[in-house]
Amino acid sequence: MTQYMLSVHNDPNAPEMNPDEMQPIFKAVDEFNATVQDAGAWVFAGGLQLPDSATTVRAHEGDLLITDGPFAETKEHLGGFWIIEAPDLDAALEWARKGSIACRGAVEVRPFQEEPPES
């Protein structure tokens, strides 16, 4: 089976939700997580802190540059992810559909690169 990353993208300019507004989303995501686990598709998942907590490390020609902040300036940022196993892209897209409903956000689906055959 192929592993896929289902990445949740958030808009930093969206109005901030209060804890009461967030509770139904947390509950829906918990239920989605349990469904993925029960189906045997779960590898692992996690939510991320906001981009302003990021540190970017760049190594170039023997020099190391460490800067505060995310690598890319974008309209959206990676808020969390699931790593799942699915038999094909269609199955991964179905998990992403359910995850998008649960977290009320956009979910990008991307397969992991296949490991080169051992010689």
Protein backbone atom coordinates (compact mmCIF):
# COMPACT_ATOMS: atom_id res chain seq x y z
CA MET A 1 0.00 0.00 0.00
CA THR A 2 1.08 3.55 -0.66
CA GLN A 3 1.48 6.11 2.09
CA TYR A 4 -0.10 9.51 1.54
CA MET A 5 0.21 12.76 3.40
CA LEU A 6 -3.10 14.54 3.88
CA SER A 7 -2.05 18.07 4.77
CA VAL A 8 -4.44 20.60 6.26
CA HIS A 9 -3.98 24.17 5.06
CA ASN A 10 -5.20 27.14 7.08
CA ASP A 11 -5.75 30.76 6.12
CA PRO A 12 -3.96 32.98 8.66
CA ASN A 13 -6.30 35.86 7.74
CA ALA A 14 -9.45 33.91 8.60
CA PRO A 15 -11.31 35.24 11.64
CA GLU A 16 -10.07 33.61 14.84
CA MET A 17 -12.52 31.15 16.37
CA ASN A 18 -13.32 31.15 20.06
CA PRO A 19 -13.05 27.90 22.07
CA ASP A 20 -16.81 27.25 21.81
CA GLU A 21 -16.59 27.43 18.01
CA MET A 22 -13.56 25.12 17.97
CA GLN A 23 -15.07 22.33 20.10
CA PRO A 24 -17.26 20.84 17.32
CA ILE A 25 -14.24 20.81 14.99
CA PHE A 26 -12.05 19.09 17.61
CA LYS A 27 -14.80 16.51 18.16
CA ALA A 28 -15.23 15.88 14.42
CA VAL A 29 -11.47 15.48 13.93
CA ASP A 30 -11.26 13.08 16.89
CA GLU A 31 -14.06 11.01 15.33
CA PHE A 32 -12.33 11.09 11.93
CA ASN A 33 -9.05 9.99 13.54
CA ALA A 34 -10.82 7.06 15.21
CA THR A 35 -12.39 6.06 11.87
CA VAL A 36 -9.02 6.11 10.10
CA GLN A 37 -7.46 4.07 12.92
CA ASP A 38 -10.33 1.54 12.95
CA ALA A 39 -9.95 1.09 9.18
CA GLY A 40 -6.24 0.30 9.56
CA ALA A 41 -5.23 3.25 7.35
CA TRP A 42 -3.66 5.29 10.19
CA VAL A 43 0.11 5.77 10.28
CA PHE A 44 0.31 8.97 12.37
CA ALA A 45 -0.95 12.55 12.47
CA GLY A 46 -0.28 15.85 14.15
CA GLY A 47 -1.28 19.46 14.43
CA LEU A 48 1.29 22.21 14.09
CA GLN A 49 1.87 25.48 15.91
CA LEU A 50 1.37 28.70 13.96
CA PRO A 51 4.02 29.64 11.36
CA ASP A 52 5.49 32.38 13.55
CA SER A 53 6.85 29.59 15.79
CA ALA A 54 8.87 28.14 12.87
CA THR A 55 12.62 28.27 12.41
CA THR A 56 14.14 27.69 8.99
CA VAL A 57 17.61 26.16 8.60
CA ARG A 58 19.48 26.53 5.32
CA ALA A 59 22.79 24.85 4.57
CA HIS A 60 24.58 26.20 1.51
CA GLU A 61 28.21 25.75 0.48
CA GLY A 62 29.34 24.98 4.01
CA ASP A 63 27.48 27.91 5.58
CA LEU A 64 24.50 27.53 7.87
CA LEU A 65 21.80 30.17 8.07
CA ILE A 66 19.10 29.96 10.73
CA THR A 67 16.17 32.37 10.48
CA ASP A 68 12.99 32.85 12.45
CA GLY A 69 9.78 32.15 10.63
CA PRO A 70 8.46 29.85 7.95
CA PHE A 71 10.36 28.92 4.80
CA ALA A 72 7.74 30.32 2.41
CA GLU A 73 5.59 33.43 2.47
CA THR A 74 2.16 32.14 1.47
CA LYS A 75 -1.53 32.97 1.80
CA GLU A 76 -2.08 29.69 3.64
CA HIS A 77 0.06 27.64 5.98
CA LEU A 78 0.34 24.01 6.96
CA GLY A 79 -1.75 23.56 10.10
CA GLY A 80 -1.54 19.80 10.53
CA PHE A 81 -1.43 16.50 8.69
CA TRP A 82 -2.31 12.84 8.59
CA ILE A 83 -0.07 10.12 7.21
CA ILE A 84 -2.23 7.28 5.97
CA GLU A 85 -1.89 4.07 3.98
CA ALA A 86 -4.30 3.58 1.11
CA PRO A 87 -4.47 1.14 -1.80
CA ASP A 88 -4.73 3.94 -4.39
CA LEU A 89 -5.27 7.64 -4.95
CA ASP A 90 -9.06 7.31 -5.04
CA ALA A 91 -9.07 5.81 -1.54
CA ALA A 92 -6.72 8.54 -0.29
CA LEU A 93 -8.99 11.20 -1.82
CA GLU A 94 -11.96 9.72 0.01
CA TRP A 95 -10.06 9.94 3.31
CA ALA A 96 -9.14 13.55 2.44
CA ARG A 97 -12.80 14.35 1.72
CA LYS A 98 -13.79 13.08 5.16
CA GLY A 99 -10.86 14.86 6.80
CA SER A 100 -11.75 18.13 5.08
CA ILE A 101 -15.31 17.89 6.37
CA ALA A 102 -14.05 17.15 9.88
CA CYS A 103 -11.49 19.96 10.10
CA ARG A 104 -13.45 22.41 7.92
CA GLY A 105 -10.37 23.17 5.88
CA ALA A 106 -8.60 22.40 2.64
CA VAL A 107 -6.73 19.08 2.60
CA GLU A 108 -3.96 18.41 0.08
CA VAL A 109 -3.26 14.78 -0.85
CA ARG A 110 0.26 13.81 -1.83
CA PRO A 111 1.78 10.32 -2.14
CA PHE A 112 5.15 9.55 -0.65
CA GLN A 113 7.94 8.72 -3.07
CA GLU A 114 8.47 5.03 -3.55
CA GLU A 115 11.61 3.58 -2.08
CA PRO A 116 14.16 2.55 -4.72
CA PRO A 117 14.53 -1.21 -5.03
CA GLU A 118 17.32 -2.70 -2.96
CA SER A 119 20.15 -4.07 -5.04
